[in-house]
Amino acid sequence: MPPPKLLLLTGPPPSAALTESSCSIHNFGKPFQDLLGLPAASPHNLPPQTQYTAWRSLPLARQPLHTGFTQAHHLQRDAPSSPSFFTTADTTTTHGFATAPDHDGTQDVLAQFCEQSLAAHNSSAAPDLDSFDTTESASFMTTSLLSEDGQPAPPVPSHLSDLEDVPSAKQVTSLQPQTITLNLIVGVLSVAQPRTVTTKWGTALSLIEVLVGDETATGFAVTFWVPVDKVAESDAVQLRRQDVVLMENVALHVFRGKVYGQSLRRGLTRLHLLWRGEGGGSYSTRSLTRAGGDNPQVGKVRVVRDWVLRFVGLDRTGRKRRRGVVDWDKPPDHTQ
């Protein structure tokens, strides 16, 4: 049984303006002329334009407009974003690849990205960072970094970068085989479900993509390769939306002309939870409020914290619901 059709008539003229002549059809459009076999109307016999807007048929399901250009949604008008950042979500949309990608094409792009990302992760071109522990641990960080009790003081990197400072794909490519690394204080936008990938040697790994942003740019993806048996204890999957984190030594790579971040092997890339709304980060809300402006790291954490509270919604699961507080994406209750 076909679904019922709904016809909405909006913006009709007032009843006082309706006359018998205005309700009679004297001229037909070209589709009806072809259907009824009527001769084409002379340009001199076209009816004059009225003061009322012509009615149009609007479908309930929005149809995509295949123009070859990306249609910006402007959901967050005040949040700048960079089209030069690559995310795996790009492979399932029209952004940057094809106007209507099929399933096979999407899988091919994902396979190409996973192959290139894994090759870069296993590359020996990683920078030599003597100040970090380079043990052969399979996990890229320790679970104690996100412990909610007894948080250690966060490290102070030699240099912090904003997302707007991420170099272009052309600059990153020109410096190969050298690897560019950045230290970032960012807010977590989303954590993708782990993707299991089996290498040609039979090793099963999981790809975890964390989408982050700050007050300067959004939509920067950082990927982490984790053994399948250690995904549950990985700090990347423990992150939540609105978390403010310090990402140390994020390597920059290019895929299809766009830049993305990736963790380095042997524990060189580390995550530090700086602030979380429910507590547990290195900085509490009270300490950020009382801190002065002489510490650039604290100042950056405070700015990013304020930004995520304004533009990033909370997770639906894994959080306590407070009485009287309405979710950011929940409509108001019905009223009489």
C-alpha atoms as a PDB file:
ATOM      1  CA  MET A   1       0.000   0.000   0.000  1.00  0.00           C
ATOM      2  CA  PRO A   2       1.572   3.298  -1.024  1.00  0.00           C
ATOM      3  CA  PRO A   3       2.065   5.901   1.701  1.00  0.00           C
ATOM      4  CA  PRO A   4      -0.631   8.581   1.914  1.00  0.00           C
ATOM      5  CA  LYS A   5       0.071  11.874   0.205  1.00  0.00           C
ATOM      6  CA  LEU A   6      -0.179  15.176   2.012  1.00  0.00           C
ATOM      7  CA  LEU A   7      -0.891  18.415   0.166  1.00  0.00           C
ATOM      8  CA  LEU A   8      -0.223  21.698   1.949  1.00  0.00           C
ATOM      9  CA  LEU A   9      -1.712  24.886   0.476  1.00  0.00           C
ATOM     10  CA  THR A  10       0.095  27.880   1.901  1.00  0.00           C
ATOM     11  CA  GLY A  11      -0.171  31.560   1.092  1.00  0.00           C
ATOM     12  CA  PRO A  12      -3.497  31.641  -0.832  1.00  0.00           C
ATOM     13  CA  PRO A  13      -4.992  35.016  -1.790  1.00  0.00           C
ATOM     14  CA  PRO A  14      -7.780  36.441   0.398  1.00  0.00           C
ATOM     15  CA  SER A  15     -11.313  35.380  -0.474  1.00  0.00           C
ATOM     16  CA  ALA A  16     -12.317  38.986  -1.202  1.00  0.00           C
ATOM     17  CA  ALA A  17      -9.849  39.052  -4.087  1.00  0.00           C
ATOM     18  CA  LEU A  18     -11.323  35.979  -5.799  1.00  0.00           C
ATOM     19  CA  THR A  19     -13.644  36.566  -8.748  1.00  0.00           C
ATOM     20  CA  GLU A  20     -15.254  34.266 -11.285  1.00  0.00           C
ATOM     21  CA  SER A  21     -12.795  35.299 -13.957  1.00  0.00           C
ATOM     22  CA  SER A  22      -9.800  34.763 -11.709  1.00  0.00           C
ATOM     23  CA  CYS A  23     -10.955  31.214 -10.943  1.00  0.00           C
ATOM     24  CA  SER A  24     -11.179  30.296 -14.629  1.00  0.00           C
ATOM     25  CA  ILE A  25      -8.194  28.861 -16.457  1.00  0.00           C
ATOM     26  CA  HIS A  26      -7.562  30.518 -19.795  1.00  0.00           C
ATOM     27  CA  ASN A  27      -3.931  29.655 -20.367  1.00  0.00           C
ATOM     28  CA  PHE A  28      -2.136  26.369 -19.902  1.00  0.00           C
ATOM     29  CA  GLY A  29       1.519  25.731 -19.312  1.00  0.00           C
ATOM     30  CA  LYS A  30       3.638  23.852 -21.843  1.00  0.00           C
ATOM     31  CA  PRO A  31       3.249  20.409 -20.156  1.00  0.00           C
ATOM     32  CA  PHE A  32      -0.556  20.714 -20.336  1.00  0.00           C
ATOM     33  CA  GLN A  33      -0.408  22.076 -23.875  1.00  0.00           C
ATOM     34  CA  ASP A  34       1.556  19.008 -24.958  1.00  0.00           C
ATOM     35  CA  LEU A  35      -0.801  16.707 -23.067  1.00  0.00           C
ATOM     36  CA  LEU A  36      -4.003  18.254 -24.457  1.00  0.00           C
ATOM     37  CA  GLY A  37      -2.600  18.879 -27.930  1.00  0.00           C
ATOM     38  CA  LEU A  38      -3.181  22.635 -27.736  1.00  0.00           C
ATOM     39  CA  PRO A  39      -1.243  25.103 -29.871  1.00  0.00           C
ATOM     40  CA  ALA A  40       1.493  27.081 -28.205  1.00  0.00           C
ATOM     41  CA  ALA A  41       0.328  30.398 -26.796  1.00  0.00           C
ATOM     42  CA  SER A  42       1.488  33.552 -28.507  1.00  0.00           C
ATOM     43  CA  PRO A  43       3.850  35.739 -26.474  1.00  0.00           C
ATOM     44  CA  HIS A  44       1.336  38.586 -26.863  1.00  0.00           C
ATOM     45  CA  ASN A  45      -1.442  36.511 -25.283  1.00  0.00           C
ATOM     46  CA  LEU A  46       0.397  35.645 -22.090  1.00  0.00           C
ATOM     47  CA  PRO A  47      -1.530  36.652 -18.950  1.00  0.00           C
ATOM     48  CA  PRO A  48      -0.180  39.630 -17.004  1.00  0.00           C
ATOM     49  CA  GLN A  49       1.696  38.946 -13.820  1.00  0.00           C
ATOM     50  CA  THR A  50      -0.357  39.262 -10.659  1.00  0.00           C
ATOM     51  CA  GLN A  51       0.647  40.660  -7.302  1.00  0.00           C
ATOM     52  CA  TYR A  52       0.405  37.220  -5.735  1.00  0.00           C
ATOM     53  CA  THR A  53       3.257  34.761  -5.506  1.00  0.00           C
ATOM     54  CA  ALA A  54       2.999  31.744  -7.773  1.00  0.00           C
ATOM     55  CA  TRP A  55       2.242  28.518  -5.940  1.00  0.00           C
ATOM     56  CA  ARG A  56       4.808  25.752  -5.965  1.00  0.00           C
ATOM     57  CA  SER A  57       4.803  22.086  -5.049  1.00  0.00           C
ATOM     58  CA  LEU A  58       7.203  21.366  -2.174  1.00  0.00           C
ATOM     59  CA  PRO A  59       8.044  17.682  -1.528  1.00  0.00           C
ATOM     60  CA  LEU A  60       8.074  16.459   2.063  1.00  0.00           C
ATOM     61  CA  ALA A  61      11.379  14.651   1.463  1.00  0.00           C
ATOM     62  CA  ARG A  62      14.067  17.109   0.430  1.00  0.00           C
ATOM     63  CA  GLN A  63      15.640  16.090  -2.857  1.00  0.00           C
ATOM     64  CA  PRO A  64      19.393  16.616  -3.369  1.00  0.00           C
ATOM     65  CA  LEU A  65      20.431  19.169  -5.929  1.00  0.00           C
ATOM     66  CA  HIS A  66      23.245  17.605  -7.964  1.00  0.00           C
ATOM     67  CA  THR A  67      25.150  20.686  -9.036  1.00  0.00           C
ATOM     68  CA  GLY A  68      28.696  19.504  -8.368  1.00  0.00           C
ATOM     69  CA  PHE A  69      29.038  21.992  -5.522  1.00  0.00           C
ATOM     70  CA  THR A  70      28.758  21.394  -1.796  1.00  0.00           C
ATOM     71  CA  GLN A  71      25.629  22.823  -0.192  1.00  0.00           C
ATOM     72  CA  ALA A  72      26.621  24.452   3.096  1.00  0.00           C
ATOM     73  CA  HIS A  73      24.197  23.745   5.923  1.00  0.00           C
ATOM     74  CA  HIS A  74      25.339  26.565   8.252  1.00  0.00           C
ATOM     75  CA  LEU A  75      24.242  24.699  11.359  1.00  0.00           C
ATOM     76  CA  GLN A  76      26.849  26.576  13.354  1.00  0.00           C
ATOM     77  CA  ARG A  77      27.109  29.964  11.744  1.00  0.00           C
ATOM     78  CA  ASP A  78      29.538  31.311  14.324  1.00  0.00           C
ATOM     79  CA  ALA A  79      31.873  28.308  14.220  1.00  0.00           C
ATOM     80  CA  PRO A  80      34.514  28.645  11.512  1.00  0.00           C
ATOM     81  CA  SER A  81      35.517  25.513   9.650  1.00  0.00           C
ATOM     82  CA  SER A  82      38.192  24.623   7.160  1.00  0.00           C
ATOM     83  CA  PRO A  83      37.434  22.765   3.916  1.00  0.00           C
ATOM     84  CA  SER A  84      41.072  21.569   3.813  1.00  0.00           C
ATOM     85  CA  PHE A  85      40.551  19.004   6.609  1.00  0.00           C
ATOM     86  CA  PHE A  86      39.795  15.380   5.712  1.00  0.00           C
ATOM     87  CA  THR A  87      37.457  13.126   7.697  1.00  0.00           C
ATOM     88  CA  THR A  88      36.163   9.649   6.917  1.00  0.00           C
ATOM     89  CA  ALA A  89      32.653  11.129   6.879  1.00  0.00           C
ATOM     90  CA  ASP A  90      33.627  12.822   3.606  1.00  0.00           C
ATOM     91  CA  THR A  91      33.524   9.433   1.897  1.00  0.00           C
ATOM     92  CA  THR A  92      29.784   9.054   2.549  1.00  0.00           C
ATOM     93  CA  THR A  93      28.716  12.558   1.473  1.00  0.00           C
ATOM     94  CA  THR A  94      29.017  14.659  -1.642  1.00  0.00           C
ATOM     95  CA  HIS A  95      31.697  16.820  -0.083  1.00  0.00           C
ATOM     96  CA  GLY A  96      34.877  16.669  -2.056  1.00  0.00           C
ATOM     97  CA  PHE A  97      34.422  13.417  -3.977  1.00  0.00           C
ATOM     98  CA  ALA A  98      31.369  12.745  -6.136  1.00  0.00           C
ATOM     99  CA  THR A  99      27.901  14.143  -6.437  1.00  0.00           C
ATOM    100  CA  ALA A 100      26.280  10.761  -5.737  1.00  0.00           C
ATOM    101  CA  PRO A 101      28.851   8.191  -4.551  1.00  0.00           C
ATOM    102  CA  ASP A 102      27.777   4.571  -4.581  1.00  0.00           C
ATOM    103  CA  HIS A 103      28.481   1.984  -1.910  1.00  0.00           C
ATOM    104  CA  ASP A 104      31.355   0.380  -3.811  1.00  0.00           C
ATOM    105  CA  GLY A 105      32.998   3.741  -4.429  1.00  0.00           C
ATOM    106  CA  THR A 106      32.712   4.642  -0.753  1.00  0.00           C
ATOM    107  CA  GLN A 107      34.330   1.367   0.289  1.00  0.00           C
ATOM    108  CA  ASP A 108      37.143   1.903  -2.206  1.00  0.00           C
ATOM    109  CA  VAL A 109      37.890   5.355  -0.801  1.00  0.00           C
ATOM    110  CA  LEU A 110      37.821   4.042   2.766  1.00  0.00           C
ATOM    111  CA  ALA A 111      40.133   1.186   1.806  1.00  0.00           C
ATOM    112  CA  GLN A 112      42.562   3.609   0.169  1.00  0.00           C
ATOM    113  CA  PHE A 113      42.533   5.859   3.218  1.00  0.00           C
ATOM    114  CA  CYS A 114      43.064   2.978   5.651  1.00  0.00           C
ATOM    115  CA  GLU A 115      45.929   1.628   3.559  1.00  0.00           C
ATOM    116  CA  GLN A 116      47.656   5.009   3.367  1.00  0.00           C
ATOM    117  CA  SER A 117      47.003   5.853   7.014  1.00  0.00           C
ATOM    118  CA  LEU A 118      48.342   2.506   8.222  1.00  0.00           C
ATOM    119  CA  ALA A 119      51.428   2.851   6.025  1.00  0.00           C
ATOM    120  CA  ALA A 120      52.092   6.304   7.471  1.00  0.00           C
ATOM    121  CA  HIS A 121      51.571   4.964  10.986  1.00  0.00           C
ATOM    122  CA  ASN A 122      54.130   2.203  10.442  1.00  0.00           C
ATOM    123  CA  SER A 123      56.570   4.491   8.652  1.00  0.00           C
ATOM    124  CA  SER A 124      60.009   5.015  10.152  1.00  0.00           C
ATOM    125  CA  ALA A 125      59.928   8.713   9.229  1.00  0.00           C
ATOM    126  CA  ALA A 126      58.479   9.707  12.595  1.00  0.00           C
ATOM    127  CA  PRO A 127      60.390  12.494  14.368  1.00  0.00           C
ATOM    128  CA  ASP A 128      62.901  11.573  17.040  1.00  0.00           C
ATOM    129  CA  LEU A 129      61.454  12.869  20.316  1.00  0.00           C
ATOM    130  CA  ASP A 130      63.847  12.008  23.105  1.00  0.00           C
ATOM    131  CA  SER A 131      61.643  13.549  25.786  1.00  0.00           C
ATOM    132  CA  PHE A 132      58.984  10.863  25.331  1.00  0.00           C
ATOM    133  CA  ASP A 133      58.871   7.261  26.384  1.00  0.00           C
ATOM    134  CA  THR A 134      59.533   5.149  23.282  1.00  0.00           C
ATOM    135  CA  THR A 135      58.808   1.716  24.686  1.00  0.00           C
ATOM    136  CA  GLU A 136      57.312  -0.886  22.397  1.00  0.00           C
ATOM    137  CA  SER A 137      53.925  -0.707  24.103  1.00  0.00           C
ATOM    138  CA  ALA A 138      51.088  -1.411  21.695  1.00  0.00           C
ATOM    139  CA  SER A 139      48.901   1.213  23.349  1.00  0.00           C
ATOM    140  CA  PHE A 140      49.691   4.789  22.407  1.00  0.00           C
ATOM    141  CA  MET A 141      48.910   6.110  25.901  1.00  0.00           C
ATOM    142  CA  THR A 142      48.186   4.912  29.411  1.00  0.00           C
ATOM    143  CA  THR A 143      44.756   4.730  30.975  1.00  0.00           C
ATOM    144  CA  SER A 144      45.910   6.759  33.971  1.00  0.00           C
ATOM    145  CA  LEU A 145      45.874   9.900  31.843  1.00  0.00           C
ATOM    146  CA  LEU A 146      42.075   9.947  31.925  1.00  0.00           C
ATOM    147  CA  SER A 147      41.645   8.820  35.507  1.00  0.00           C
ATOM    148  CA  GLU A 148      38.987  10.829  37.328  1.00  0.00           C
ATOM    149  CA  ASP A 149      40.812  10.848  40.642  1.00  0.00           C
ATOM    150  CA  GLY A 150      44.245  12.201  41.395  1.00  0.00           C
ATOM    151  CA  GLN A 151      44.789  13.971  38.107  1.00  0.00           C
ATOM    152  CA  PRO A 152      48.457  14.813  37.520  1.00  0.00           C
ATOM    153  CA  ALA A 153      49.460  18.265  36.410  1.00  0.00           C
ATOM    154  CA  PRO A 154      49.244  18.568  32.621  1.00  0.00           C
ATOM    155  CA  PRO A 155      52.524  18.858  30.712  1.00  0.00           C
ATOM    156  CA  VAL A 156      53.563  22.157  29.210  1.00  0.00           C
ATOM    157  CA  PRO A 157      54.552  21.678  25.540  1.00  0.00           C
ATOM    158  CA  SER A 158      57.185  23.918  24.060  1.00  0.00           C
ATOM    159  CA  HIS A 159      54.676  25.283  21.554  1.00  0.00           C
ATOM    160  CA  LEU A 160      50.894  25.196  21.180  1.00  0.00           C
ATOM    161  CA  SER A 161      49.160  25.587  17.832  1.00  0.00           C
ATOM    162  CA  ASP A 162      45.654  26.659  16.905  1.00  0.00           C
ATOM    163  CA  LEU A 163      43.762  24.688  14.292  1.00  0.00           C
ATOM    164  CA  GLU A 164      43.863  27.681  11.987  1.00  0.00           C
ATOM    165  CA  ASP A 165      47.661  27.275  12.005  1.00  0.00           C
ATOM    166  CA  VAL A 166      47.514  23.786  10.472  1.00  0.00           C
ATOM    167  CA  PRO A 167      49.511  24.071   7.230  1.00  0.00           C
ATOM    168  CA  SER A 168      47.923  23.408   3.887  1.00  0.00           C
ATOM    169  CA  ALA A 169      48.136  20.085   2.095  1.00  0.00           C
ATOM    170  CA  LYS A 170      50.657  21.568  -0.326  1.00  0.00           C
ATOM    171  CA  GLN A 171      52.966  22.612   2.512  1.00  0.00           C
ATOM    172  CA  VAL A 172      52.707  19.239   4.247  1.00  0.00           C
ATOM    173  CA  THR A 173      53.466  17.403   1.012  1.00  0.00           C
ATOM    174  CA  SER A 174      56.422  19.632   0.180  1.00  0.00           C
ATOM    175  CA  LEU A 175      58.167  18.652   3.434  1.00  0.00           C
ATOM    176  CA  GLN A 176      57.918  14.897   2.897  1.00  0.00           C
ATOM    177  CA  PRO A 177      59.479  12.555   3.950  1.00  0.00           C
ATOM    178  CA  GLN A 178      59.715  14.703   7.076  1.00  0.00           C
ATOM    179  CA  THR A 179      56.727  14.517   9.418  1.00  0.00           C
ATOM    180  CA  ILE A 180      55.136  17.673  10.821  1.00  0.00           C
ATOM    181  CA  THR A 181      53.825  17.344  14.376  1.00  0.00           C
ATOM    182  CA  LEU A 182      51.682  19.777  16.347  1.00  0.00           C
ATOM    183  CA  ASN A 183      50.604  20.198  19.960  1.00  0.00           C
ATOM    184  CA  LEU A 184      46.908  21.060  20.130  1.00  0.00           C
ATOM    185  CA  ILE A 185      44.459  22.055  22.859  1.00  0.00           C
ATOM    186  CA  VAL A 186      41.075  21.280  21.334  1.00  0.00           C
ATOM    187  CA  GLY A 187      37.513  20.356  22.169  1.00  0.00           C
ATOM    188  CA  VAL A 188      36.091  16.965  21.217  1.00  0.00           C
ATOM    189  CA  LEU A 189      33.243  17.144  18.703  1.00  0.00           C
ATOM    190  CA  SER A 190      32.690  13.413  18.213  1.00  0.00           C
ATOM    191  CA  VAL A 191      34.372  10.027  18.531  1.00  0.00           C
ATOM    192  CA  ALA A 192      33.635   7.625  15.680  1.00  0.00           C
ATOM    193  CA  GLN A 193      32.989   3.952  16.224  1.00  0.00           C
ATOM    194  CA  PRO A 194      36.179   1.891  15.800  1.00  0.00           C
ATOM    195  CA  ARG A 195      36.704   0.418  12.327  1.00  0.00           C
ATOM    196  CA  THR A 196      38.366  -3.002  12.296  1.00  0.00           C
ATOM    197  CA  VAL A 197      41.003  -3.448   9.601  1.00  0.00           C
ATOM    198  CA  THR A 198      42.934  -6.654   8.888  1.00  0.00           C
ATOM    199  CA  THR A 199      46.349  -6.149   7.323  1.00  0.00           C
ATOM    200  CA  LYS A 200      47.824  -8.416   4.660  1.00  0.00           C
ATOM    201  CA  TRP A 201      49.942  -9.998   7.403  1.00  0.00           C
ATOM    202  CA  GLY A 202      46.792 -11.002   9.308  1.00  0.00           C
ATOM    203  CA  THR A 203      47.058  -8.395  12.071  1.00  0.00           C
ATOM    204  CA  ALA A 204      43.713  -6.948  13.190  1.00  0.00           C
ATOM    205  CA  LEU A 205      43.745  -3.258  14.124  1.00  0.00           C
ATOM    206  CA  SER A 206      41.037  -0.737  14.910  1.00  0.00           C
ATOM    207  CA  LEU A 207      40.931   2.754  13.452  1.00  0.00           C
ATOM    208  CA  ILE A 208      39.456   5.349  15.815  1.00  0.00           C
ATOM    209  CA  GLU A 209      38.752   8.827  14.485  1.00  0.00           C
ATOM    210  CA  VAL A 210      38.349  11.749  16.890  1.00  0.00           C
ATOM    211  CA  LEU A 211      36.861  14.930  15.427  1.00  0.00           C
ATOM    212  CA  VAL A 212      38.023  18.075  17.226  1.00  0.00           C
ATOM    213  CA  GLY A 213      37.783  21.836  16.967  1.00  0.00           C
ATOM    214  CA  ASP A 214      38.651  25.073  18.703  1.00  0.00           C
ATOM    215  CA  GLU A 215      37.640  28.721  18.481  1.00  0.00           C
ATOM    216  CA  THR A 216      39.655  29.163  15.270  1.00  0.00           C
ATOM    217  CA  ALA A 217      38.541  26.177  13.137  1.00  0.00           C
ATOM    218  CA  THR A 218      36.508  22.974  13.345  1.00  0.00           C
ATOM    219  CA  GLY A 219      36.303  19.564  11.742  1.00  0.00           C
ATOM    220  CA  PHE A 220      39.926  18.445  12.213  1.00  0.00           C
ATOM    221  CA  ALA A 221      40.148  14.650  12.410  1.00  0.00           C
ATOM    222  CA  VAL A 222      42.825  12.768  14.356  1.00  0.00           C
ATOM    223  CA  THR A 223      43.043   9.010  13.735  1.00  0.00           C
ATOM    224  CA  PHE A 224      44.428   6.422  16.145  1.00  0.00           C
ATOM    225  CA  TRP A 225      45.470   2.862  15.290  1.00  0.00           C
ATOM    226  CA  VAL A 226      44.866   0.517  18.228  1.00  0.00           C
ATOM    227  CA  PRO A 227      45.073  -3.282  18.504  1.00  0.00           C
ATOM    228  CA  VAL A 228      41.610  -4.826  18.504  1.00  0.00           C
ATOM    229  CA  ASP A 229      42.070  -6.438  21.912  1.00  0.00           C
ATOM    230  CA  LYS A 230      42.974  -3.082  23.489  1.00  0.00           C
ATOM    231  CA  VAL A 231      40.227  -0.875  22.072  1.00  0.00           C
ATOM    232  CA  ALA A 232      38.147  -0.965  25.253  1.00  0.00           C
ATOM    233  CA  GLU A 233      41.030   0.334  27.364  1.00  0.00           C
ATOM    234  CA  SER A 234      42.121   2.933  24.836  1.00  0.00           C
ATOM    235  CA  ASP A 235      41.790   6.534  25.948  1.00  0.00           C
ATOM    236  CA  ALA A 236      40.505   7.597  22.530  1.00  0.00           C
ATOM    237  CA  VAL A 237      37.229   5.698  22.964  1.00  0.00           C
ATOM    238  CA  GLN A 238      36.857   7.068  26.500  1.00  0.00           C
ATOM    239  CA  LEU A 239      36.699  10.635  25.266  1.00  0.00           C
ATOM    240  CA  ARG A 240      33.348  12.394  25.261  1.00  0.00           C
ATOM    241  CA  ARG A 241      31.932  15.322  23.419  1.00  0.00           C
ATOM    242  CA  GLN A 242      32.786  18.682  25.024  1.00  0.00           C
ATOM    243  CA  ASP A 243      35.995  17.267  26.538  1.00  0.00           C
ATOM    244  CA  VAL A 244      38.941  19.653  26.309  1.00  0.00           C
ATOM    245  CA  VAL A 245      42.124  17.690  25.661  1.00  0.00           C
ATOM    246  CA  LEU A 246      45.793  18.294  24.980  1.00  0.00           C
ATOM    247  CA  MET A 247      47.045  16.264  22.031  1.00  0.00           C
ATOM    248  CA  GLU A 248      50.821  16.052  22.026  1.00  0.00           C
ATOM    249  CA  ASN A 249      52.726  15.313  18.823  1.00  0.00           C
ATOM    250  CA  VAL A 250      49.914  14.854  16.328  1.00  0.00           C
ATOM    251  CA  ALA A 251      51.410  13.964  12.944  1.00  0.00           C
ATOM    252  CA  LEU A 252      50.018  15.650   9.834  1.00  0.00           C
ATOM    253  CA  HIS A 253      49.327  13.705   6.647  1.00  0.00           C
ATOM    254  CA  VAL A 254      47.501  14.375   3.389  1.00  0.00           C
ATOM    255  CA  PHE A 255      44.816  12.297   1.684  1.00  0.00           C
ATOM    256  CA  ARG A 256      43.216  13.437  -1.570  1.00  0.00           C
ATOM    257  CA  GLY A 257      44.439  16.969  -1.124  1.00  0.00           C
ATOM    258  CA  LYS A 258      43.194  17.371   2.459  1.00  0.00           C
ATOM    259  CA  VAL A 259      45.036  17.347   5.777  1.00  0.00           C
ATOM    260  CA  TYR A 260      44.286  15.029   8.681  1.00  0.00           C
ATOM    261  CA  GLY A 261      46.015  14.237  11.957  1.00  0.00           C
ATOM    262  CA  GLN A 262      47.290  10.876  13.101  1.00  0.00           C
ATOM    263  CA  SER A 263      48.918   9.344  16.136  1.00  0.00           C
ATOM    264  CA  LEU A 264      52.551   8.289  16.036  1.00  0.00           C
ATOM    265  CA  ARG A 265      53.540   4.778  16.986  1.00  0.00           C
ATOM    266  CA  ARG A 266      55.530   3.742  20.066  1.00  0.00           C
ATOM    267  CA  GLY A 267      53.523   6.048  22.334  1.00  0.00           C
ATOM    268  CA  LEU A 268      54.808   9.341  20.905  1.00  0.00           C
ATOM    269  CA  THR A 269      51.310  10.813  20.578  1.00  0.00           C
ATOM    270  CA  ARG A 270      49.645  11.341  23.932  1.00  0.00           C
ATOM    271  CA  LEU A 271      46.273  12.546  25.150  1.00  0.00           C
ATOM    272  CA  HIS A 272      45.742  14.549  28.328  1.00  0.00           C
ATOM    273  CA  LEU A 273      42.248  15.320  29.576  1.00  0.00           C
ATOM    274  CA  LEU A 274      42.322  18.971  30.633  1.00  0.00           C
ATOM    275  CA  TRP A 275      38.652  19.681  31.376  1.00  0.00           C
ATOM    276  CA  ARG A 276      35.416  17.722  31.531  1.00  0.00           C
ATOM    277  CA  GLY A 277      32.023  19.043  32.525  1.00  0.00           C
ATOM    278  CA  GLU A 278      31.429  16.283  35.094  1.00  0.00           C
ATOM    279  CA  GLY A 279      34.934  16.712  36.514  1.00  0.00           C
ATOM    280  CA  GLY A 280      38.009  14.544  36.210  1.00  0.00           C
ATOM    281  CA  GLY A 281      40.257  16.753  34.097  1.00  0.00           C
ATOM    282  CA  SER A 282      43.465  18.454  35.116  1.00  0.00           C
ATOM    283  CA  TYR A 283      41.578  21.747  35.444  1.00  0.00           C
ATOM    284  CA  SER A 284      38.286  22.199  37.225  1.00  0.00           C
ATOM    285  CA  THR A 285      35.729  24.812  36.285  1.00  0.00           C
ATOM    286  CA  ARG A 286      36.543  26.740  39.442  1.00  0.00           C
ATOM    287  CA  SER A 287      40.286  26.739  38.785  1.00  0.00           C
ATOM    288  CA  LEU A 288      39.772  28.000  35.235  1.00  0.00           C
ATOM    289  CA  THR A 289      37.539  30.789  36.514  1.00  0.00           C
ATOM    290  CA  ARG A 290      40.015  31.887  39.164  1.00  0.00           C
ATOM    291  CA  ALA A 291      43.151  31.561  37.032  1.00  0.00           C
ATOM    292  CA  GLY A 292      44.783  34.706  35.751  1.00  0.00           C
ATOM    293  CA  GLY A 293      45.840  35.473  32.222  1.00  0.00           C
ATOM    294  CA  ASP A 294      49.586  34.984  32.680  1.00  0.00           C
ATOM    295  CA  ASN A 295      49.513  31.265  31.747  1.00  0.00           C
ATOM    296  CA  PRO A 296      48.872  30.811  27.999  1.00  0.00           C
ATOM    297  CA  GLN A 297      47.967  27.133  28.403  1.00  0.00           C
ATOM    298  CA  VAL A 298      45.322  27.867  31.025  1.00  0.00           C
ATOM    299  CA  GLY A 299      44.023  30.710  28.894  1.00  0.00           C
ATOM    300  CA  LYS A 300      43.698  28.428  25.869  1.00  0.00           C
ATOM    301  CA  VAL A 301      41.869  25.788  27.922  1.00  0.00           C
ATOM    302  CA  ARG A 302      39.435  28.403  29.181  1.00  0.00           C
ATOM    303  CA  VAL A 303      38.748  29.733  25.676  1.00  0.00           C
ATOM    304  CA  VAL A 304      38.206  26.244  24.220  1.00  0.00           C
ATOM    305  CA  ARG A 305      36.019  25.283  27.204  1.00  0.00           C
ATOM    306  CA  ASP A 306      33.798  28.323  26.614  1.00  0.00           C
ATOM    307  CA  TRP A 307      33.658  27.501  22.905  1.00  0.00           C
ATOM    308  CA  VAL A 308      32.543  23.889  23.332  1.00  0.00           C
ATOM    309  CA  LEU A 309      29.893  24.888  25.847  1.00  0.00           C
ATOM    310  CA  ARG A 310      28.420  27.251  23.261  1.00  0.00           C
ATOM    311  CA  PHE A 311      28.637  25.156  20.112  1.00  0.00           C
ATOM    312  CA  VAL A 312      29.015  21.449  21.005  1.00  0.00           C
ATOM    313  CA  GLY A 313      26.202  19.324  22.410  1.00  0.00           C
ATOM    314  CA  LEU A 314      26.628  16.653  25.055  1.00  0.00           C
ATOM    315  CA  ASP A 315      26.555  12.919  24.426  1.00  0.00           C
ATOM    316  CA  ARG A 316      23.151  11.272  24.680  1.00  0.00           C
ATOM    317  CA  THR A 317      24.576   8.366  26.672  1.00  0.00           C
ATOM    318  CA  GLY A 318      27.185   8.083  29.341  1.00  0.00           C
ATOM    319  CA  ARG A 319      26.120  11.150  31.311  1.00  0.00           C
ATOM    320  CA  LYS A 320      23.853  11.931  34.216  1.00  0.00           C
ATOM    321  CA  ARG A 321      20.646  13.808  33.524  1.00  0.00           C
ATOM    322  CA  ARG A 322      19.979  16.757  35.786  1.00  0.00           C
ATOM    323  CA  ARG A 323      16.422  17.651  36.707  1.00  0.00           C
ATOM    324  CA  GLY A 324      15.005  20.624  34.881  1.00  0.00           C
ATOM    325  CA  VAL A 325      17.728  20.589  32.192  1.00  0.00           C
ATOM    326  CA  VAL A 326      16.606  20.039  28.596  1.00  0.00           C
ATOM    327  CA  ASP A 327      18.937  18.426  26.078  1.00  0.00           C
ATOM    328  CA  TRP A 328      20.385  20.778  23.485  1.00  0.00           C
ATOM    329  CA  ASP A 329      18.807  18.789  20.635  1.00  0.00           C
ATOM    330  CA  LYS A 330      15.448  18.014  22.275  1.00  0.00           C
ATOM    331  CA  PRO A 331      12.397  20.072  21.256  1.00  0.00           C
ATOM    332  CA  PRO A 332      10.298  21.722  23.989  1.00  0.00           C
ATOM    333  CA  ASP A 333       7.343  19.908  25.519  1.00  0.00           C
ATOM    334  CA  HIS A 334       3.905  20.276  23.962  1.00  0.00           C
ATOM    335  CA  THR A 335       1.757  23.062  25.409  1.00  0.00           C
ATOM    336  CA  GLN A 336      -1.995  23.580  25.325  1.00  0.00           C
END
